N, C-alpha and C. Protein backbone atom coordinates (compact mmCIF):
# COMPACT_ATOMS: atom_id res chain seq x y z
N MET A 1 0.94 -1.17 -0.07
CA MET A 1 0.09 -0.09 0.06
C MET A 1 0.76 1.27 -0.20
N THR A 2 2.37 1.38 -0.15
CA THR A 2 2.79 2.30 -0.52
C THR A 2 3.58 2.64 -1.81
N LYS A 3 4.10 3.62 -2.15
CA LYS A 3 4.39 3.99 -3.51
C LYS A 3 5.79 3.15 -3.96
N ILE A 4 6.44 2.62 -3.14
CA ILE A 4 7.74 1.90 -3.49
C ILE A 4 7.19 0.33 -3.99
N VAL A 5 6.19 -0.05 -3.82
CA VAL A 5 5.60 -1.25 -3.91
C VAL A 5 5.97 -1.60 -5.30
N GLY A 6 5.73 -0.92 -6.34
CA GLY A 6 5.94 -1.25 -7.70
C GLY A 6 7.32 -0.86 -8.40
N MET A 7 8.31 -0.14 -7.36
CA MET A 7 9.38 0.47 -7.80
C MET A 7 10.56 -0.82 -8.11
N ARG A 8 11.44 -0.71 -8.98
CA ARG A 8 12.48 -1.48 -8.94
C ARG A 8 13.22 -1.21 -7.83
N LEU A 9 14.09 -2.10 -7.32
CA LEU A 9 14.99 -2.04 -6.20
C LEU A 9 16.24 -1.07 -6.21
N ASP A 10 16.49 -1.09 -7.58
CA ASP A 10 17.46 -0.11 -7.84
C ASP A 10 17.22 1.51 -8.04
N HIS A 11 15.91 1.57 -8.08
CA HIS A 11 15.33 2.87 -8.23
C HIS A 11 14.85 3.51 -6.99
N ILE A 12 14.85 2.61 -5.76
CA ILE A 12 14.63 3.17 -4.49
C ILE A 12 15.65 4.26 -3.69
N THR A 13 15.43 5.34 -3.37
CA THR A 13 16.43 6.35 -2.67
C THR A 13 16.18 6.38 -1.46
N LYS A 14 16.74 7.24 -0.65
CA LYS A 14 16.80 7.60 0.80
C LYS A 14 15.44 8.36 0.79
N GLU A 15 15.08 9.17 -0.09
CA GLU A 15 13.98 10.22 -0.02
C GLU A 15 12.54 9.23 -0.39
N ASP A 16 12.61 8.06 -0.83
CA ASP A 16 11.56 7.54 -1.00
C ASP A 16 11.25 6.65 0.33
N VAL A 17 12.13 6.19 0.93
CA VAL A 17 11.95 5.27 2.21
C VAL A 17 11.74 6.46 3.23
N GLU A 18 12.24 7.43 3.43
CA GLU A 18 11.73 8.50 4.36
C GLU A 18 10.37 9.18 4.22
N GLY A 19 10.01 9.06 2.92
CA GLY A 19 8.64 9.64 2.78
C GLY A 19 7.47 8.46 2.90
N LEU A 20 7.60 7.32 3.47
CA LEU A 20 6.90 6.27 3.46
C LEU A 20 6.28 6.33 4.77
N SER A 21 4.98 6.11 5.05
CA SER A 21 4.45 6.34 6.47
C SER A 21 3.38 4.95 6.73
N PHE A 22 3.23 4.65 7.74
CA PHE A 22 2.76 3.20 8.04
C PHE A 22 1.71 3.64 8.94
N ARG A 23 0.69 2.50 8.97
CA ARG A 23 -0.29 2.64 10.27
C ARG A 23 0.13 1.79 11.33
N GLY A 24 0.06 2.55 12.51
CA GLY A 24 0.39 1.77 13.63
C GLY A 24 1.43 2.45 14.41
N SER A 25 1.93 1.62 15.35
CA SER A 25 3.33 2.33 16.19
C SER A 25 4.36 2.32 15.09
N ALA A 26 5.69 2.97 15.82
CA ALA A 26 6.78 3.05 15.27
C ALA A 26 7.53 1.90 15.39
N SER A 27 7.17 0.82 16.08
CA SER A 27 7.67 -0.69 16.12
C SER A 27 7.30 -1.21 14.95
N ASN A 28 6.06 -0.81 14.53
CA ASN A 28 5.54 -1.51 13.49
C ASN A 28 6.06 -0.91 12.20
N ALA A 29 6.44 0.37 11.87
CA ALA A 29 6.92 0.76 10.91
C ALA A 29 8.21 0.44 10.86
N ASN A 30 9.14 0.25 11.97
CA ASN A 30 10.62 -0.22 11.75
C ASN A 30 10.39 -1.44 11.40
N CYS A 31 9.66 -2.52 11.99
CA CYS A 31 9.37 -3.99 11.39
C CYS A 31 9.60 -4.07 9.83
N ALA A 32 8.78 -2.87 9.06
CA ALA A 32 8.73 -3.11 7.81
C ALA A 32 9.86 -2.31 7.05
N LEU A 33 10.80 -1.34 7.70
CA LEU A 33 12.01 -0.78 7.23
C LEU A 33 13.01 -1.79 7.33
N ARG A 34 12.96 -2.60 8.42
CA ARG A 34 14.24 -3.69 8.49
C ARG A 34 14.08 -4.43 7.52
N THR A 35 12.55 -5.11 7.27
CA THR A 35 12.32 -5.94 5.96
C THR A 35 13.23 -5.23 4.68
N LEU A 36 12.57 -4.01 4.34
CA LEU A 36 13.04 -3.34 3.33
C LEU A 36 14.87 -3.67 3.35
N ARG A 37 15.29 -3.01 4.51
CA ARG A 37 16.82 -2.68 4.48
C ARG A 37 17.33 -4.13 4.06
N ARG A 38 16.76 -5.29 4.71
CA ARG A 38 17.45 -6.66 4.11
C ARG A 38 17.21 -6.77 3.12
N MET A 39 16.00 -6.82 2.44
CA MET A 39 16.05 -6.87 0.69
C MET A 39 16.86 -6.24 0.16
N LEU A 40 16.95 -4.93 0.50
CA LEU A 40 18.10 -3.72 -0.25
C LEU A 40 19.41 -4.68 -0.19
N HIS A 41 19.94 -5.12 1.17
CA HIS A 41 21.22 -5.53 1.16
C HIS A 41 21.41 -6.79 0.46
N ARG A 42 20.21 -7.74 0.55
CA ARG A 42 20.25 -8.99 -0.42
C ARG A 42 20.66 -8.76 -1.86
N ALA A 43 19.99 -7.63 -2.37
CA ALA A 43 20.04 -7.06 -3.76
C ALA A 43 21.26 -6.71 -4.12
N GLU A 44 22.07 -5.98 -3.05
CA GLU A 44 23.27 -5.48 -3.02
C GLU A 44 24.20 -6.78 -3.34
N GLU A 45 24.32 -7.62 -2.20
CA GLU A 45 25.05 -8.70 -2.33
C GLU A 45 24.97 -9.75 -3.39
N TRP A 46 23.90 -9.64 -4.22
CA TRP A 46 23.56 -10.24 -5.45
C TRP A 46 24.00 -9.50 -6.78
N ASN A 47 24.52 -8.42 -6.60
CA ASN A 47 24.99 -7.21 -7.54
C ASN A 47 23.60 -7.05 -8.28
N LEU A 48 22.50 -6.97 -7.76
CA LEU A 48 21.55 -6.26 -8.37
C LEU A 48 21.25 -4.73 -8.29
N ILE A 49 22.02 -4.36 -7.55
CA ILE A 49 22.04 -2.63 -7.09
C ILE A 49 23.43 -2.56 -6.68
N GLY A 50 23.50 -1.15 -6.90
CA GLY A 50 25.16 -0.47 -6.65
C GLY A 50 25.62 -0.44 -5.17
N ARG A 51 24.55 0.19 -4.77
CA ARG A 51 24.63 0.46 -3.25
C ARG A 51 23.15 0.78 -2.54
N VAL A 52 23.15 0.34 -1.02
CA VAL A 52 21.72 0.55 -0.26
C VAL A 52 21.76 1.69 0.25
N PRO A 53 20.81 2.43 -0.31
CA PRO A 53 20.64 3.65 0.39
C PRO A 53 20.39 3.83 1.86
N LYS A 54 21.03 4.65 2.64
CA LYS A 54 21.13 4.65 4.05
C LYS A 54 19.74 5.42 4.52
N PHE A 55 19.05 5.12 5.68
CA PHE A 55 17.93 5.22 5.94
C PHE A 55 17.53 4.98 7.41
N LYS A 56 17.31 5.97 8.46
CA LYS A 56 17.00 5.71 9.80
C LYS A 56 15.75 5.09 10.10
N LEU A 57 15.87 4.14 11.25
CA LEU A 57 14.64 3.62 11.65
C LEU A 57 13.92 5.02 12.82
N LEU A 58 12.59 4.97 12.95
CA LEU A 58 11.93 5.69 13.94
C LEU A 58 12.34 5.35 15.22
N THR A 59 12.19 6.33 16.18
CA THR A 59 12.21 6.31 17.55
C THR A 59 11.09 5.64 18.07
N GLU A 60 11.51 4.69 18.87
CA GLU A 60 10.65 3.74 19.71
C GLU A 60 10.41 4.03 20.99
N HIS A 61 9.47 4.08 21.57
CA HIS A 61 9.23 4.38 22.82
C HIS A 61 8.65 3.10 23.86
N GLY A 62 9.12 2.81 24.78
CA GLY A 62 8.68 1.75 25.41
C GLY A 62 7.26 1.89 26.08
N ARG A 63 6.76 0.89 26.81
CA ARG A 63 5.58 0.92 27.39
C ARG A 63 5.79 1.79 28.52
N SER A 64 4.50 2.62 28.71
CA SER A 64 4.66 3.82 29.65
C SER A 64 3.60 3.48 30.57
N LEU A 65 2.39 2.64 30.08
CA LEU A 65 1.13 2.42 31.09
C LEU A 65 1.71 1.45 32.15
N ARG A 66 1.30 1.88 33.32
CA ARG A 66 1.47 1.03 34.61
C ARG A 66 0.02 0.58 35.33
N LEU A 67 0.03 -0.67 35.53
CA LEU A 67 -1.33 -1.05 36.42
C LEU A 67 -0.92 -0.57 37.76
N ASP A 68 -1.36 0.84 38.22
CA ASP A 68 -1.46 1.11 39.65
C ASP A 68 -2.60 0.69 40.57
N ASP A 69 -2.48 0.78 41.77
CA ASP A 69 -3.75 0.51 42.61
C ASP A 69 -5.18 0.90 42.08
N ASP A 70 -5.01 2.11 41.69
CA ASP A 70 -6.44 2.32 41.15
C ASP A 70 -7.00 1.99 39.84
N ALA A 71 -6.19 1.45 38.59
CA ALA A 71 -6.09 0.71 37.80
C ALA A 71 -6.76 -0.44 37.78
N GLU A 72 -6.01 -1.03 39.04
CA GLU A 72 -6.21 -2.49 39.25
C GLU A 72 -7.89 -2.68 39.97
N GLN A 73 -8.16 -1.88 40.47
CA GLN A 73 -9.19 -1.53 40.92
C GLN A 73 -10.42 -1.78 40.39
N LYS A 74 -10.20 -0.29 39.17
CA LYS A 74 -11.21 -0.32 38.01
C LYS A 74 -11.27 -1.42 37.33
N LEU A 75 -10.23 -2.08 36.97
CA LEU A 75 -10.42 -3.42 36.20
C LEU A 75 -10.98 -4.45 36.96
N LEU A 76 -10.84 -4.67 38.02
CA LEU A 76 -11.59 -5.97 38.78
C LEU A 76 -13.07 -5.56 39.04
N VAL A 77 -13.11 -4.24 39.39
CA VAL A 77 -14.79 -4.01 39.50
C VAL A 77 -15.37 -4.07 37.73
N ALA A 78 -14.77 -4.06 36.89
CA ALA A 78 -15.60 -4.13 35.47
C ALA A 78 -15.39 -5.52 35.33
N ALA A 79 -14.50 -6.35 35.57
CA ALA A 79 -14.37 -7.73 35.30
C ALA A 79 -15.30 -8.88 36.28
N GLU A 80 -15.54 -8.35 37.70
CA GLU A 80 -16.45 -8.79 38.30
C GLU A 80 -18.08 -8.56 37.83
N ALA A 81 -18.11 -7.53 37.15
CA ALA A 81 -19.45 -7.24 36.61
C ALA A 81 -20.05 -8.22 35.26
N CYS A 82 -18.72 -8.76 34.67
CA CYS A 82 -19.11 -9.62 33.65
C CYS A 82 -19.62 -10.87 33.94
N ASN A 83 -20.39 -11.65 33.17
CA ASN A 83 -21.30 -12.79 33.47
C ASN A 83 -20.17 -14.00 33.40
N TRP A 84 -19.35 -14.09 34.14
CA TRP A 84 -18.31 -15.47 33.97
C TRP A 84 -18.75 -16.58 34.59
N THR A 85 -18.46 -17.74 34.08
CA THR A 85 -18.46 -19.03 34.63
C THR A 85 -18.15 -19.12 36.19
N PRO A 86 -18.41 -19.55 37.22
CA PRO A 86 -17.93 -19.95 38.55
C PRO A 86 -16.46 -19.97 38.51
N GLY A 87 -15.67 -19.21 39.20
CA GLY A 87 -14.23 -19.49 39.21
C GLY A 87 -13.61 -18.80 38.37
N THR A 88 -14.06 -18.38 37.42
CA THR A 88 -13.49 -17.59 36.22
C THR A 88 -12.79 -16.31 36.71
N PHE A 89 -13.92 -15.43 37.71
CA PHE A 89 -13.07 -14.02 37.94
C PHE A 89 -12.24 -14.27 39.07
N GLU A 90 -12.24 -15.26 39.92
CA GLU A 90 -11.19 -15.68 40.70
C GLU A 90 -9.92 -15.75 40.19
N LEU A 91 -9.91 -16.62 39.08
CA LEU A 91 -8.64 -16.89 38.43
C LEU A 91 -8.22 -15.67 37.75
N PHE A 92 -9.15 -14.79 37.28
CA PHE A 92 -8.64 -13.68 36.56
C PHE A 92 -7.99 -12.64 37.78
N ARG A 93 -8.58 -12.40 38.92
CA ARG A 93 -8.21 -11.54 39.88
C ARG A 93 -6.81 -12.11 40.34
N ASP A 94 -6.59 -13.68 40.28
CA ASP A 94 -5.28 -13.99 40.61
C ASP A 94 -4.04 -13.62 39.74
N ILE A 95 -4.46 -13.92 38.45
CA ILE A 95 -3.57 -13.54 37.46
C ILE A 95 -3.19 -12.16 37.45
N ILE A 96 -4.02 -11.14 37.73
CA ILE A 96 -3.79 -9.69 37.87
C ILE A 96 -2.66 -9.40 38.82
N ILE A 97 -3.17 -10.20 40.05
CA ILE A 97 -2.29 -9.87 41.31
C ILE A 97 -0.81 -10.46 41.10
N LEU A 98 -0.71 -11.75 40.28
CA LEU A 98 0.45 -12.32 40.01
C LEU A 98 1.27 -11.55 39.13
N ALA A 99 0.60 -11.08 38.02
CA ALA A 99 1.40 -10.28 36.86
C ALA A 99 1.97 -8.83 37.62
N ARG A 100 1.12 -8.36 38.31
CA ARG A 100 1.30 -7.07 38.77
C ARG A 100 2.65 -7.03 39.93
N ASP A 101 2.43 -8.06 40.53
CA ASP A 101 3.29 -7.94 41.94
C ASP A 101 4.54 -8.81 41.64
N THR A 102 4.51 -9.50 40.51
CA THR A 102 5.93 -10.18 40.12
C THR A 102 6.76 -9.51 38.79
N GLY A 103 5.92 -8.94 38.03
CA GLY A 103 6.05 -8.43 36.81
C GLY A 103 6.60 -9.64 36.04
N MET A 104 6.19 -10.66 35.83
CA MET A 104 6.42 -11.65 34.99
C MET A 104 5.67 -11.42 33.78
N ARG A 105 6.16 -12.18 32.69
CA ARG A 105 5.63 -11.98 31.44
C ARG A 105 4.55 -13.13 31.37
N ASN A 106 3.43 -12.67 30.69
CA ASN A 106 2.49 -13.82 30.88
C ASN A 106 2.33 -15.22 30.41
N GLN A 107 2.50 -15.37 28.88
CA GLN A 107 2.81 -16.54 28.41
C GLN A 107 3.93 -17.56 28.94
N ARG A 108 5.21 -17.10 28.80
CA ARG A 108 6.29 -17.83 28.85
C ARG A 108 6.62 -18.03 30.37
N GLU A 109 6.10 -17.08 31.31
CA GLU A 109 6.69 -16.97 32.82
C GLU A 109 5.64 -17.38 33.60
N LEU A 110 4.59 -16.44 33.74
CA LEU A 110 3.48 -16.52 34.56
C LEU A 110 2.68 -17.78 34.37
N TYR A 111 2.36 -17.95 33.20
CA TYR A 111 1.30 -19.28 33.16
C TYR A 111 2.04 -20.54 33.14
N ARG A 112 3.41 -20.51 33.04
CA ARG A 112 4.22 -21.69 33.25
C ARG A 112 4.86 -21.74 34.78
N ILE A 113 4.58 -21.41 35.54
CA ILE A 113 4.85 -21.18 36.95
C ILE A 113 4.93 -22.92 37.26
N ARG A 114 5.94 -23.49 37.98
CA ARG A 114 5.72 -25.01 38.31
C ARG A 114 6.27 -25.13 39.61
N VAL A 115 5.49 -26.34 40.34
CA VAL A 115 5.81 -26.03 41.74
C VAL A 115 6.96 -26.36 42.16
N GLU A 116 7.91 -26.81 41.32
CA GLU A 116 9.44 -27.02 41.86
C GLU A 116 10.20 -25.63 41.83
N ASN A 117 9.46 -24.65 41.01
CA ASN A 117 10.13 -23.61 40.83
C ASN A 117 9.97 -22.49 42.21
N LEU A 118 9.17 -22.64 43.17
CA LEU A 118 8.69 -22.00 44.07
C LEU A 118 9.37 -22.50 45.43
N ASP A 119 10.24 -21.83 45.97
CA ASP A 119 10.79 -21.75 47.19
C ASP A 119 10.22 -21.15 48.12
N TRP A 120 9.22 -21.67 48.88
CA TRP A 120 8.17 -21.18 50.06
C TRP A 120 8.86 -20.73 51.31
N ASN A 121 10.43 -21.58 51.78
CA ASN A 121 11.14 -20.92 52.95
C ASN A 121 11.69 -19.47 52.52
N ASN A 122 11.89 -19.27 51.22
CA ASN A 122 12.80 -17.78 51.12
C ASN A 122 11.82 -17.03 50.21
N ARG A 123 10.58 -17.52 49.93
CA ARG A 123 9.55 -16.48 49.12
C ARG A 123 10.20 -16.16 47.88
N ILE A 124 10.33 -17.12 47.35
CA ILE A 124 11.05 -16.90 45.82
C ILE A 124 10.33 -17.58 44.77
N ILE A 125 10.38 -17.00 43.54
CA ILE A 125 9.97 -17.90 42.28
C ILE A 125 11.00 -17.78 41.43
N PHE A 126 11.38 -18.96 41.03
CA PHE A 126 12.69 -19.06 40.04
C PHE A 126 11.83 -19.17 38.52
N VAL A 127 12.49 -18.47 37.86
CA VAL A 127 11.74 -18.17 36.24
C VAL A 127 13.10 -19.12 35.63
N PRO A 128 12.70 -20.18 34.86
CA PRO A 128 13.86 -20.81 34.34
C PRO A 128 14.09 -20.59 32.93
N ASP A 129 13.10 -19.96 32.42
CA ASP A 129 12.84 -19.93 30.80
C ASP A 129 12.37 -18.52 30.50
N SER A 130 12.70 -17.66 29.91
CA SER A 130 12.20 -16.34 29.48
C SER A 130 12.49 -16.02 28.13
N LYS A 131 12.13 -14.90 27.78
CA LYS A 131 11.98 -14.03 26.66
C LYS A 131 13.31 -14.01 26.16
N THR A 132 14.21 -13.29 27.13
CA THR A 132 15.68 -12.93 26.85
C THR A 132 16.59 -13.72 28.16
N ALA A 133 17.97 -13.56 27.73
CA ALA A 133 18.93 -14.36 28.55
C ALA A 133 18.83 -13.76 30.28
N ASP A 134 18.53 -12.43 30.33
CA ASP A 134 18.40 -11.80 31.47
C ASP A 134 17.07 -12.33 32.54
N GLY A 135 16.09 -12.73 31.62
CA GLY A 135 14.98 -13.45 31.88
C GLY A 135 15.01 -14.27 33.11
N ARG A 136 16.04 -15.07 32.94
CA ARG A 136 16.16 -16.23 34.02
C ARG A 136 16.75 -15.50 35.40
N ARG A 137 15.60 -15.63 36.35
CA ARG A 137 15.96 -14.75 37.59
C ARG A 137 14.84 -15.34 38.79
N MET A 138 15.30 -14.83 39.77
CA MET A 138 14.48 -15.10 41.06
C MET A 138 13.52 -13.87 41.25
N ILE A 139 12.52 -14.26 41.55
CA ILE A 139 11.26 -13.01 41.93
C ILE A 139 10.83 -13.47 43.35
N PRO A 140 11.09 -12.31 44.24
CA PRO A 140 10.48 -12.44 45.45
C PRO A 140 9.01 -12.26 45.33
N MET A 141 8.46 -13.13 46.45
CA MET A 141 6.93 -13.18 46.29
C MET A 141 6.34 -12.04 47.41
N SER A 142 5.37 -11.19 46.92
CA SER A 142 4.98 -10.45 47.84
C SER A 142 4.06 -11.24 48.67
N ASP A 143 3.34 -10.67 50.08
CA ASP A 143 2.38 -11.27 50.69
C ASP A 143 0.90 -11.77 49.73
N ARG A 144 0.63 -10.83 48.82
CA ARG A 144 -0.45 -11.24 47.79
C ARG A 144 0.06 -12.42 46.98
N VAL A 145 1.07 -12.64 46.35
CA VAL A 145 1.55 -13.64 45.60
C VAL A 145 1.50 -14.81 46.40
N CYS A 146 2.17 -14.91 47.60
CA CYS A 146 2.27 -16.00 48.64
C CYS A 146 0.72 -16.33 48.76
N GLU A 147 -0.31 -15.56 49.23
CA GLU A 147 -1.62 -15.85 49.34
C GLU A 147 -2.16 -16.68 47.95
N VAL A 148 -1.96 -16.05 46.86
CA VAL A 148 -2.67 -16.56 45.59
C VAL A 148 -1.90 -17.85 45.32
N LEU A 149 -0.61 -18.14 45.62
CA LEU A 149 0.20 -19.35 45.12
C LEU A 149 -0.47 -20.35 46.16
N ARG A 150 -0.51 -20.07 47.48
CA ARG A 150 -0.96 -21.07 48.52
C ARG A 150 -2.54 -21.39 48.51
N ARG A 151 -3.13 -20.60 47.53
CA ARG A 151 -4.64 -21.08 47.27
C ARG A 151 -4.74 -22.20 46.24
N ALA A 152 -3.40 -22.01 45.42
CA ALA A 152 -3.60 -22.75 44.20
C ALA A 152 -3.56 -24.44 44.22
N PRO A 153 -4.55 -25.27 43.62
CA PRO A 153 -4.40 -26.62 44.10
C PRO A 153 -3.06 -27.56 43.82
N VAL A 154 -2.37 -27.23 44.53
CA VAL A 154 -0.74 -27.88 44.42
C VAL A 154 -0.96 -29.49 44.13
N GLU A 155 -1.89 -29.98 44.85
CA GLU A 155 -2.11 -31.44 45.00
C GLU A 155 -2.50 -31.94 43.60
N GLU A 156 -3.31 -30.95 42.85
CA GLU A 156 -3.74 -31.63 41.53
C GLU A 156 -2.56 -31.16 40.39
N ALA A 157 -1.45 -30.67 40.77
CA ALA A 157 -0.55 -30.32 39.97
C ALA A 157 -0.27 -31.38 38.86
N LYS A 158 -0.53 -31.26 37.39
CA LYS A 158 0.00 -32.30 36.71
C LYS A 158 1.57 -31.95 36.45
N ASP A 159 2.41 -33.03 36.32
CA ASP A 159 3.66 -33.09 35.82
C ASP A 159 4.35 -31.82 36.23
N GLY A 160 3.93 -31.18 37.61
CA GLY A 160 4.73 -30.10 37.93
C GLY A 160 3.99 -28.67 37.72
N CYS A 161 3.25 -28.75 36.86
CA CYS A 161 2.45 -27.45 36.20
C CYS A 161 1.56 -26.87 37.57
N LEU A 162 1.62 -25.55 37.94
CA LEU A 162 0.79 -25.31 38.82
C LEU A 162 -0.87 -25.24 38.43
N ARG A 163 -1.07 -24.50 37.32
CA ARG A 163 -2.37 -24.50 37.19
C ARG A 163 -2.49 -24.71 35.41
N PRO A 164 -2.65 -26.29 35.16
CA PRO A 164 -2.49 -26.80 34.13
C PRO A 164 -3.74 -26.54 33.14
N SER A 165 -3.48 -26.42 31.68
CA SER A 165 -4.81 -26.10 30.88
C SER A 165 -5.46 -27.45 30.57
N ASP A 166 -6.67 -27.51 30.58
CA ASP A 166 -7.37 -28.70 29.99
C ASP A 166 -7.36 -28.73 28.71
N ARG A 167 -7.07 -27.66 27.96
CA ARG A 167 -7.10 -27.66 26.57
C ARG A 167 -5.68 -27.80 25.95
N SER A 168 -4.76 -27.66 26.43
CA SER A 168 -3.48 -27.87 25.92
C SER A 168 -2.43 -28.90 26.51
N ALA A 169 -1.43 -29.56 26.00
CA ALA A 169 -0.64 -30.63 26.68
C ALA A 169 0.36 -29.68 27.64
N VAL A 170 0.57 -30.43 28.56
CA VAL A 170 1.66 -29.76 29.50
C VAL A 170 3.06 -29.53 29.13
N ILE A 171 3.60 -28.53 29.16
CA ILE A 171 5.12 -28.22 28.40
C ILE A 171 5.97 -28.38 29.48
């Protein structure tokens, strides 16, 4: 949906690239620009173009929204008003507490908490696998986290998973 779609690679200039606009965030635009840059470098390697035009990526800003006490309460009030099946609101509330108090990423870390990674004596959760190398870490348990994890049906844990899903295989 941009003007360079129909252009020959050897006709794309720095000005053409800098004139592009994309929907969404700067991260989305940078993904497209990195793809274009890779295509141009491959074309240069294959001697299809003389040189790759130099262009800069957009400045990306990290997330700045925080789930503070007020936002957590509003979220829980709205969630409680939903007509969920029994136990679903409680599980949702527990996930909010765990995510907020531990800072764990949801799918790879939080949803994969295993019984053997809980150190109750030192009140620590070990994260053995994460998105980044620095993600392997020890996370202290707040009082709220201890309360939530102690309510989890540990005796029903399948293969060490604290809350295994009925819809997927245990990883």
